[in-house]
């Protein structure tokens, strides 16, 4: 049975209240961030992490961001080519820094619900707090790129597309051998123009 947003309790992470020692989303880097770095990043106002409960089943870390759109991207993004838009070089965004879902609940819909939750936060920022934000950005883990594409995230042109096919496999094996850094392509979701996530 799919999990909906109303089934989840999403709260700000508090290392004094939330025991995350048993959390495992099948990714050592994401597990380590929640267990060792999330509280430090919050204390330094670099990002804020929210933990997701049925029991602790997931977490999402959000931070401020901006993106640069090239001229062609800017024209496609903005409905009307207004003169004052030509002087806008950076666009405000909220960045998804990390998302982790427990192994046994992956593919249950929790990730999709966290994206919908993030969109709701950004809409509230715009409407209720009068803080402008146009995009949700992220640097996708290689195994998650196609999932984000299905959720209508687009690649940021100035970062190029993620490797595909044989190039993707080659990059993956070089990373396994420690010869190449992981490729985390930059992607974006346009709050005003991207299709609704379901």
Protein backbone atom coordinates (compact mmCIF):
# COMPACT_ATOMS: atom_id res chain seq x y z
CA UNK A 1 0.00 0.00 0.00
CA UNK A 2 1.51 3.37 -0.99
CA UNK A 3 2.32 5.82 1.78
CA UNK A 4 0.83 9.31 1.57
CA UNK A 5 2.09 12.55 3.11
CA UNK A 6 -0.70 12.45 5.71
CA UNK A 7 0.69 9.10 6.97
CA UNK A 8 4.02 10.70 7.84
CA UNK A 9 5.19 12.92 10.67
CA UNK A 10 7.93 15.27 9.40
CA UNK A 11 9.78 17.18 12.13
CA UNK A 12 12.99 19.18 12.51
CA UNK A 13 15.90 16.96 13.49
CA UNK A 14 17.02 17.31 17.11
CA UNK A 15 19.97 15.10 18.00
CA UNK A 16 19.01 15.28 21.70
CA UNK A 17 15.54 13.86 21.00
CA UNK A 18 15.96 11.66 17.94
CA UNK A 19 18.01 8.47 18.11
CA UNK A 20 19.15 7.87 14.54
CA UNK A 21 21.79 5.23 15.30
CA UNK A 22 19.74 2.40 13.73
CA UNK A 23 18.79 4.33 10.58
CA UNK A 24 20.01 2.64 7.38
CA UNK A 25 19.00 3.78 3.89
CA UNK A 26 21.53 1.50 2.16
CA UNK A 27 23.93 4.36 1.38
CA UNK A 28 26.91 4.86 3.72
CA UNK A 29 27.33 8.54 2.83
CA UNK A 30 23.68 9.38 3.52
CA UNK A 31 23.66 7.32 6.75
CA UNK A 32 26.85 9.02 7.94
CA UNK A 33 25.48 12.50 7.23
CA UNK A 34 22.39 11.94 9.37
CA UNK A 35 24.29 10.27 12.22
CA UNK A 36 27.37 12.52 12.32
CA UNK A 37 26.93 15.75 10.35
CA UNK A 38 23.28 16.87 10.26
CA UNK A 39 23.34 18.43 13.75
CA UNK A 40 26.63 20.24 13.00
CA UNK A 41 25.28 21.66 9.72
CA UNK A 42 22.19 22.91 11.56
CA UNK A 43 24.27 24.54 14.31
CA UNK A 44 26.28 26.37 11.62
CA UNK A 45 23.10 27.35 9.68
CA UNK A 46 24.30 25.52 6.56
CA UNK A 47 21.28 23.24 6.20
CA UNK A 48 18.29 22.00 8.17
CA UNK A 49 17.32 18.36 8.30
CA UNK A 50 13.84 17.03 8.86
CA UNK A 51 13.30 13.46 10.00
CA UNK A 52 10.31 11.47 8.84
CA UNK A 53 8.42 9.11 11.09
CA UNK A 54 6.05 6.23 10.94
CA UNK A 55 8.96 5.04 12.98
CA UNK A 56 12.09 6.82 11.76
CA UNK A 57 11.79 5.96 8.07
CA UNK A 58 13.49 8.78 6.17
CA UNK A 59 15.08 12.20 6.30
CA UNK A 60 15.46 15.21 4.02
CA UNK A 61 17.98 18.03 4.34
CA UNK A 62 17.17 21.45 2.82
CA UNK A 63 19.31 24.55 2.35
CA UNK A 64 19.27 27.85 0.50
CA UNK A 65 20.61 27.88 -3.06
CA UNK A 66 20.55 29.80 -6.30
CA UNK A 67 21.08 28.74 -9.88
CA UNK A 68 22.41 30.43 -12.98
CA UNK A 69 20.42 29.98 -16.16
CA UNK A 70 22.00 30.47 -19.55
CA UNK A 71 20.20 32.81 -21.96
CA UNK A 72 18.35 30.02 -23.79
CA UNK A 73 17.25 28.41 -20.54
CA UNK A 74 16.16 31.78 -19.19
CA UNK A 75 13.97 32.48 -22.25
CA UNK A 76 12.29 29.07 -21.97
CA UNK A 77 11.77 29.48 -18.22
CA UNK A 78 10.31 32.98 -18.20
CA UNK A 79 6.90 33.23 -19.86
CA UNK A 80 7.36 36.74 -21.14
CA UNK A 81 10.68 38.19 -22.19
CA UNK A 82 10.58 41.27 -20.01
CA UNK A 83 13.48 43.69 -20.27
CA UNK A 84 14.24 43.57 -16.54
CA UNK A 85 14.59 39.78 -16.62
CA UNK A 86 17.67 40.11 -18.81
CA UNK A 87 19.56 41.55 -15.84
CA UNK A 88 18.66 38.59 -13.59
CA UNK A 89 21.60 36.21 -13.53
CA UNK A 90 20.80 34.05 -10.53
CA UNK A 91 17.46 32.58 -9.53
CA UNK A 92 16.51 31.76 -5.92
CA UNK A 93 16.15 28.11 -5.00
CA UNK A 94 15.84 25.65 -2.14
CA UNK A 95 18.33 22.84 -2.46
CA UNK A 96 17.66 19.28 -1.40
CA UNK A 97 21.03 18.45 0.11
CA UNK A 98 20.27 14.87 1.08
CA UNK A 99 17.35 12.42 1.08
CA UNK A 100 17.51 9.01 2.70
CA UNK A 101 14.73 6.41 2.96
CA UNK A 102 15.15 3.23 4.99
CA UNK A 103 16.03 0.22 2.84
CA UNK A 104 12.87 -1.73 3.59
CA UNK A 105 10.64 1.25 2.68
CA UNK A 106 12.34 2.33 -0.53
CA UNK A 107 9.90 2.36 -3.47
CA UNK A 108 6.98 2.82 -1.04
CA UNK A 109 6.31 6.40 -2.15
CA UNK A 110 8.05 8.16 0.74
CA UNK A 111 10.59 9.84 -1.58
CA UNK A 112 7.79 11.21 -3.75
CA UNK A 113 5.98 12.48 -0.65
CA UNK A 114 9.16 14.26 0.48
CA UNK A 115 9.36 16.03 -2.90
CA UNK A 116 5.70 17.09 -2.55
CA UNK A 117 6.46 18.27 1.00
CA UNK A 118 9.41 20.35 -0.27
CA UNK A 119 7.28 21.90 -3.02
CA UNK A 120 4.72 22.81 -0.34
CA UNK A 121 7.42 24.49 1.75
CA UNK A 122 8.58 26.55 -1.23
CA UNK A 123 5.02 27.57 -2.11
CA UNK A 124 4.50 28.67 1.52
CA UNK A 125 7.77 30.64 1.43
CA UNK A 126 6.47 32.54 -1.59
CA UNK A 127 2.86 33.06 -0.49
CA UNK A 128 3.00 33.38 3.30
CA UNK A 129 6.49 34.61 4.07
CA UNK A 130 7.01 36.68 0.90
CA UNK A 131 10.40 35.05 0.33
CA UNK A 132 10.92 34.51 -3.38
CA UNK A 133 11.96 31.06 -4.51
CA UNK A 134 11.52 29.71 -8.04
CA UNK A 135 13.36 26.38 -8.11
CA UNK A 136 14.13 23.25 -6.14
CA UNK A 137 17.66 22.08 -6.90
CA UNK A 138 19.72 19.02 -6.07
CA UNK A 139 22.89 17.20 -6.99
CA UNK A 140 21.56 13.73 -7.79
CA UNK A 141 23.25 10.54 -6.75
CA UNK A 142 23.97 8.55 -9.95
CA UNK A 143 21.53 5.75 -9.10
CA UNK A 144 18.75 8.35 -8.52
CA UNK A 145 19.08 10.41 -11.73
CA UNK A 146 16.41 8.56 -13.70
CA UNK A 147 14.00 8.70 -10.74
CA UNK A 148 14.37 12.50 -10.54
CA UNK A 149 13.88 12.76 -14.31
CA UNK A 150 10.57 10.90 -13.93
CA UNK A 151 9.64 13.50 -11.29
CA UNK A 152 10.20 16.29 -13.88
CA UNK A 153 13.61 17.49 -12.71
CA UNK A 154 15.78 18.82 -15.54
CA UNK A 155 19.54 18.98 -15.85
CA UNK A 156 21.10 22.39 -15.37
CA UNK A 157 22.78 23.09 -18.72
CA UNK A 158 25.97 24.57 -17.35
CA UNK A 159 26.68 21.25 -15.63
CA UNK A 160 25.91 19.09 -18.65
CA UNK A 161 23.98 15.86 -18.75
CA UNK A 162 24.77 12.84 -16.67
CA UNK A 163 26.63 10.08 -18.47
CA UNK A 164 24.39 7.43 -20.03
CA UNK A 165 24.81 3.92 -21.38
CA UNK A 166 28.39 2.71 -21.69
CA UNK A 167 29.75 6.05 -20.40
CA UNK A 168 27.62 5.72 -17.25
CA UNK A 169 28.81 2.14 -16.67
CA UNK A 170 32.43 3.15 -17.23
CA UNK A 171 32.10 6.09 -14.80
CA UNK A 172 30.44 3.81 -12.24
CA UNK A 173 33.24 1.21 -12.40
CA UNK A 174 35.99 3.86 -12.25
CA UNK A 175 34.28 5.28 -9.14
CA UNK A 176 34.16 1.78 -7.60
CA UNK A 177 37.87 1.39 -8.20
CA UNK A 178 38.50 4.76 -6.57
CA UNK A 179 39.79 6.31 -9.80
CA UNK A 180 37.04 8.83 -10.28
CA UNK A 181 34.89 10.99 -8.06
CA UNK A 182 31.17 10.29 -8.02
CA UNK A 183 29.20 12.21 -10.61
CA UNK A 184 26.34 14.13 -9.01
CA UNK A 185 24.63 16.05 -11.82
CA UNK A 186 22.93 19.29 -10.87
CA UNK A 187 19.17 19.20 -11.53
CA UNK A 188 16.23 21.56 -11.01
CA UNK A 189 12.46 21.58 -10.65
CA UNK A 190 10.61 24.77 -11.63
CA UNK A 191 7.86 25.54 -9.12
CA UNK A 192 5.83 27.47 -11.72
CA UNK A 193 6.36 25.48 -14.92
CA UNK A 194 7.23 21.86 -14.13
CA UNK A 195 4.38 19.32 -14.22
CA UNK A 196 2.86 18.32 -10.89
CA UNK A 197 4.63 15.51 -9.04
CA UNK A 198 2.39 12.56 -8.20
